[in-house]
Amino acid sequence: MRVIGYIEHPSLKISVFKMDEKYVVKFESGFYEQIFKFKADEYINGLEAVQRVIDAEFISSVERSLPAMHQLRMQALSRLLPPVQENEFDKLW
């Protein structure tokens, strides 16, 4: 898999890769990644074609899914980590 380009965005890193007969688009934001694969064919045949597919509506949908990914991660961590104690000190008054 090799990087063939990037799609500019102010808050996401969007990388485009070529792998065998597929184009792979990876969206990165902090701890989260989403990957989409597209079969290389007569319609999707290079970076410019991938950039047309990954339009503003597509990117907006990816951005809207990030809070759900964060919530899922936090729920998983909360099941693993011990509960936080409210106050471990004696009350002074």
N, C-alpha and C. Protein backbone atom coordinates (compact mmCIF):
# COMPACT_ATOMS: atom_id res chain seq x y z
N MET A 1 0.86 -1.17 0.00
CA MET A 1 0.00 0.00 0.00
C MET A 1 0.91 1.23 0.00
N ARG A 2 0.61 2.16 -0.88
CA ARG A 2 1.43 3.37 -0.95
C ARG A 2 0.54 4.61 -0.97
N VAL A 3 1.02 5.67 -0.38
CA VAL A 3 0.30 6.95 -0.36
C VAL A 3 0.35 7.55 -1.75
N ILE A 4 -0.83 7.94 -2.26
CA ILE A 4 -0.84 8.63 -3.55
C ILE A 4 -1.25 10.09 -3.40
N GLY A 5 -1.71 10.48 -2.21
CA GLY A 5 -2.05 11.88 -2.01
C GLY A 5 -2.87 12.10 -0.75
N TYR A 6 -3.25 13.36 -0.59
CA TYR A 6 -4.02 13.79 0.57
C TYR A 6 -5.17 14.66 0.10
N ILE A 7 -6.19 14.73 0.92
CA ILE A 7 -7.31 15.64 0.68
C ILE A 7 -7.26 16.66 1.80
N GLU A 8 -7.15 17.92 1.44
CA GLU A 8 -7.03 18.98 2.43
C GLU A 8 -8.33 19.14 3.23
N HIS A 9 -8.17 19.30 4.55
CA HIS A 9 -9.31 19.54 5.44
C HIS A 9 -8.77 20.21 6.70
N PRO A 10 -9.51 21.17 7.28
CA PRO A 10 -8.99 21.90 8.44
C PRO A 10 -8.86 21.08 9.72
N SER A 11 -9.68 20.05 9.91
CA SER A 11 -9.62 19.32 11.18
C SER A 11 -9.36 17.82 11.04
N LEU A 12 -9.40 17.29 9.84
CA LEU A 12 -9.15 15.87 9.63
C LEU A 12 -7.90 15.70 8.76
N LYS A 13 -7.16 14.64 9.02
CA LYS A 13 -6.11 14.25 8.09
C LYS A 13 -6.73 13.19 7.19
N ILE A 14 -6.75 13.45 5.90
CA ILE A 14 -7.36 12.53 4.94
C ILE A 14 -6.27 12.07 3.97
N SER A 15 -5.94 10.79 4.06
CA SER A 15 -4.88 10.21 3.23
C SER A 15 -5.51 9.26 2.22
N VAL A 16 -4.94 9.24 1.02
CA VAL A 16 -5.42 8.35 -0.03
C VAL A 16 -4.27 7.40 -0.40
N PHE A 17 -4.58 6.11 -0.41
CA PHE A 17 -3.60 5.07 -0.69
C PHE A 17 -4.05 4.26 -1.90
N LYS A 18 -3.09 3.65 -2.57
CA LYS A 18 -3.37 2.68 -3.64
C LYS A 18 -2.87 1.34 -3.15
N MET A 19 -3.75 0.34 -3.17
CA MET A 19 -3.39 -1.00 -2.71
C MET A 19 -4.01 -2.01 -3.67
N ASP A 20 -3.18 -2.72 -4.39
CA ASP A 20 -3.66 -3.70 -5.38
C ASP A 20 -4.67 -3.03 -6.30
N GLU A 21 -5.87 -3.53 -6.34
CA GLU A 21 -6.91 -2.97 -7.20
C GLU A 21 -7.92 -2.14 -6.41
N LYS A 22 -7.43 -1.49 -5.34
CA LYS A 22 -8.31 -0.68 -4.49
C LYS A 22 -7.66 0.66 -4.19
N TYR A 23 -8.52 1.63 -3.92
CA TYR A 23 -8.09 2.90 -3.34
C TYR A 23 -8.61 2.90 -1.91
N VAL A 24 -7.75 3.28 -0.99
CA VAL A 24 -8.09 3.31 0.42
C VAL A 24 -8.02 4.76 0.88
N VAL A 25 -9.10 5.22 1.52
CA VAL A 25 -9.15 6.57 2.04
C VAL A 25 -9.23 6.48 3.56
N LYS A 26 -8.25 7.10 4.23
CA LYS A 26 -8.19 7.04 5.69
C LYS A 26 -8.41 8.44 6.26
N PHE A 27 -9.40 8.54 7.16
CA PHE A 27 -9.70 9.77 7.87
C PHE A 27 -9.14 9.62 9.28
N GLU A 28 -8.38 10.61 9.74
CA GLU A 28 -7.79 10.55 11.08
C GLU A 28 -8.16 11.81 11.86
N SER A 29 -8.54 11.58 13.13
CA SER A 29 -8.82 12.69 14.04
C SER A 29 -8.48 12.22 15.45
N GLY A 30 -7.37 12.69 15.98
CA GLY A 30 -6.98 12.29 17.33
C GLY A 30 -6.77 10.79 17.43
N PHE A 31 -7.51 10.15 18.36
CA PHE A 31 -7.39 8.71 18.58
C PHE A 31 -8.20 7.89 17.58
N TYR A 32 -8.89 8.53 16.66
CA TYR A 32 -9.87 7.83 15.84
C TYR A 32 -9.48 7.83 14.37
N GLU A 33 -9.79 6.71 13.72
CA GLU A 33 -9.58 6.56 12.28
C GLU A 33 -10.79 5.89 11.66
N GLN A 34 -11.11 6.30 10.45
CA GLN A 34 -12.09 5.58 9.65
C GLN A 34 -11.46 5.33 8.29
N ILE A 35 -11.69 4.13 7.78
CA ILE A 35 -11.10 3.75 6.50
C ILE A 35 -12.21 3.29 5.57
N PHE A 36 -12.14 3.77 4.34
CA PHE A 36 -13.08 3.36 3.30
C PHE A 36 -12.26 2.85 2.12
N LYS A 37 -12.74 1.77 1.52
CA LYS A 37 -12.06 1.18 0.36
C LYS A 37 -12.98 1.28 -0.85
N PHE A 38 -12.37 1.59 -1.98
CA PHE A 38 -13.10 1.70 -3.23
C PHE A 38 -12.37 0.87 -4.28
N LYS A 39 -13.12 0.07 -5.00
CA LYS A 39 -12.54 -0.74 -6.07
C LYS A 39 -12.09 0.17 -7.20
N ALA A 40 -10.89 -0.07 -7.68
CA ALA A 40 -10.39 0.67 -8.83
C ALA A 40 -11.12 0.18 -10.08
N ASP A 41 -11.73 1.10 -10.80
CA ASP A 41 -12.43 0.76 -12.04
C ASP A 41 -12.38 1.96 -12.98
N GLU A 42 -13.20 1.95 -14.01
CA GLU A 42 -13.15 3.05 -14.98
C GLU A 42 -13.65 4.37 -14.40
N TYR A 43 -14.38 4.32 -13.28
CA TYR A 43 -14.90 5.54 -12.65
C TYR A 43 -13.97 6.07 -11.56
N ILE A 44 -13.39 5.17 -10.82
CA ILE A 44 -12.45 5.54 -9.77
C ILE A 44 -11.09 5.01 -10.20
N ASN A 45 -10.31 5.91 -10.83
CA ASN A 45 -9.06 5.46 -11.46
C ASN A 45 -7.88 6.37 -11.16
N GLY A 46 -7.92 7.04 -10.02
CA GLY A 46 -6.80 7.89 -9.64
C GLY A 46 -7.19 8.83 -8.52
N LEU A 47 -6.22 9.61 -8.08
CA LEU A 47 -6.44 10.53 -6.97
C LEU A 47 -7.56 11.52 -7.24
N GLU A 48 -7.60 12.08 -8.43
CA GLU A 48 -8.63 13.06 -8.75
C GLU A 48 -10.03 12.46 -8.66
N ALA A 49 -10.19 11.23 -9.11
CA ALA A 49 -11.49 10.56 -9.03
C ALA A 49 -11.87 10.29 -7.58
N VAL A 50 -10.91 9.88 -6.78
CA VAL A 50 -11.18 9.65 -5.35
C VAL A 50 -11.59 10.96 -4.69
N GLN A 51 -10.92 12.05 -5.04
CA GLN A 51 -11.26 13.36 -4.47
C GLN A 51 -12.68 13.77 -4.84
N ARG A 52 -13.15 13.39 -6.00
CA ARG A 52 -14.54 13.70 -6.39
C ARG A 52 -15.53 12.89 -5.56
N VAL A 53 -15.18 11.64 -5.25
CA VAL A 53 -16.06 10.80 -4.43
C VAL A 53 -16.11 11.32 -3.00
N ILE A 54 -14.96 11.71 -2.48
CA ILE A 54 -14.86 12.19 -1.10
C ILE A 54 -15.19 13.69 -1.11
N ASP A 55 -16.46 13.98 -1.29
CA ASP A 55 -16.92 15.36 -1.38
C ASP A 55 -17.29 15.90 0.01
N ALA A 56 -17.78 17.13 0.05
CA ALA A 56 -18.12 17.77 1.33
C ALA A 56 -19.17 16.99 2.10
N GLU A 57 -20.14 16.43 1.41
CA GLU A 57 -21.19 15.64 2.07
C GLU A 57 -20.60 14.38 2.71
N PHE A 58 -19.71 13.71 2.02
CA PHE A 58 -19.07 12.50 2.55
C PHE A 58 -18.25 12.86 3.79
N ILE A 59 -17.45 13.92 3.70
CA ILE A 59 -16.61 14.33 4.82
C ILE A 59 -17.47 14.74 6.01
N SER A 60 -18.55 15.44 5.76
CA SER A 60 -19.46 15.85 6.84
C SER A 60 -20.04 14.63 7.56
N SER A 61 -20.37 13.60 6.82
CA SER A 61 -20.88 12.37 7.44
C SER A 61 -19.82 11.71 8.32
N VAL A 62 -18.59 11.71 7.86
CA VAL A 62 -17.50 11.16 8.67
C VAL A 62 -17.36 11.97 9.96
N GLU A 63 -17.38 13.29 9.85
CA GLU A 63 -17.26 14.14 11.04
C GLU A 63 -18.39 13.89 12.03
N ARG A 64 -19.59 13.68 11.54
CA ARG A 64 -20.73 13.42 12.43
C ARG A 64 -20.61 12.08 13.15
N SER A 65 -19.86 11.16 12.60
CA SER A 65 -19.71 9.85 13.23
C SER A 65 -18.64 9.83 14.33
N LEU A 66 -17.79 10.81 14.37
CA LEU A 66 -16.69 10.82 15.34
C LEU A 66 -17.17 10.86 16.80
N PRO A 67 -18.19 11.65 17.16
CA PRO A 67 -18.66 11.61 18.55
C PRO A 67 -19.14 10.22 18.98
N ALA A 68 -19.77 9.49 18.10
CA ALA A 68 -20.22 8.12 18.44
C ALA A 68 -19.01 7.21 18.67
N MET A 69 -17.96 7.39 17.88
CA MET A 69 -16.75 6.60 18.08
C MET A 69 -16.13 6.94 19.43
N HIS A 70 -16.11 8.22 19.77
CA HIS A 70 -15.55 8.64 21.06
C HIS A 70 -16.37 8.06 22.21
N GLN A 71 -17.68 8.12 22.10
CA GLN A 71 -18.55 7.59 23.15
C GLN A 71 -18.32 6.09 23.32
N LEU A 72 -18.22 5.36 22.25
CA LEU A 72 -17.96 3.92 22.30
C LEU A 72 -16.64 3.63 23.01
N ARG A 73 -15.61 4.39 22.68
CA ARG A 73 -14.30 4.21 23.31
C ARG A 73 -14.38 4.50 24.80
N MET A 74 -15.04 5.60 25.17
CA MET A 74 -15.14 5.97 26.58
C MET A 74 -15.93 4.94 27.37
N GLN A 75 -17.00 4.40 26.79
CA GLN A 75 -17.78 3.36 27.47
C GLN A 75 -16.92 2.12 27.70
N ALA A 76 -16.15 1.73 26.72
CA ALA A 76 -15.28 0.56 26.86
C ALA A 76 -14.24 0.79 27.96
N LEU A 77 -13.66 1.97 27.98
CA LEU A 77 -12.67 2.28 29.02
C LEU A 77 -13.31 2.32 30.40
N SER A 78 -14.52 2.84 30.50
CA SER A 78 -15.17 2.92 31.82
C SER A 78 -15.48 1.54 32.38
N ARG A 79 -15.68 0.55 31.53
CA ARG A 79 -15.90 -0.81 32.01
C ARG A 79 -14.60 -1.43 32.53
N LEU A 80 -13.50 -0.96 32.05
CA LEU A 80 -12.19 -1.50 32.44
C LEU A 80 -11.61 -0.81 33.66
N LEU A 81 -11.76 0.51 33.73
CA LEU A 81 -11.12 1.29 34.78
C LEU A 81 -11.97 1.33 36.04
N PRO A 82 -11.34 1.47 37.21
CA PRO A 82 -12.13 1.56 38.45
C PRO A 82 -12.89 2.88 38.49
N PRO A 83 -14.03 2.91 39.21
CA PRO A 83 -14.80 4.15 39.30
C PRO A 83 -14.00 5.24 40.04
N VAL A 84 -14.23 6.47 39.66
CA VAL A 84 -13.56 7.60 40.28
C VAL A 84 -14.27 7.93 41.59
N GLN A 85 -13.50 8.08 42.66
CA GLN A 85 -14.06 8.45 43.96
C GLN A 85 -14.35 9.95 43.96
N GLU A 86 -15.54 10.30 44.46
CA GLU A 86 -15.93 11.70 44.51
C GLU A 86 -15.00 12.51 45.40
N ASN A 87 -14.82 12.04 46.66
CA ASN A 87 -14.03 12.80 47.60
C ASN A 87 -13.34 11.83 48.55
N GLU A 88 -12.04 11.79 48.51
CA GLU A 88 -11.30 10.87 49.35
C GLU A 88 -10.86 11.50 50.66
N PHE A 89 -11.18 12.77 50.89
CA PHE A 89 -10.74 13.47 52.08
C PHE A 89 -11.90 13.60 53.07
N ASP A 90 -11.56 13.67 54.35
CA ASP A 90 -12.57 13.89 55.38
C ASP A 90 -13.10 15.31 55.26
N LYS A 91 -14.37 15.45 55.59
CA LYS A 91 -14.98 16.77 55.59
C LYS A 91 -14.49 17.53 56.81
N LEU A 92 -14.00 18.75 56.63
CA LEU A 92 -13.40 19.52 57.71
C LEU A 92 -14.41 20.38 58.47
N TRP A 93 -15.52 20.67 57.95
CA TRP A 93 -16.52 21.50 58.65
C TRP A 93 -17.87 20.91 58.56
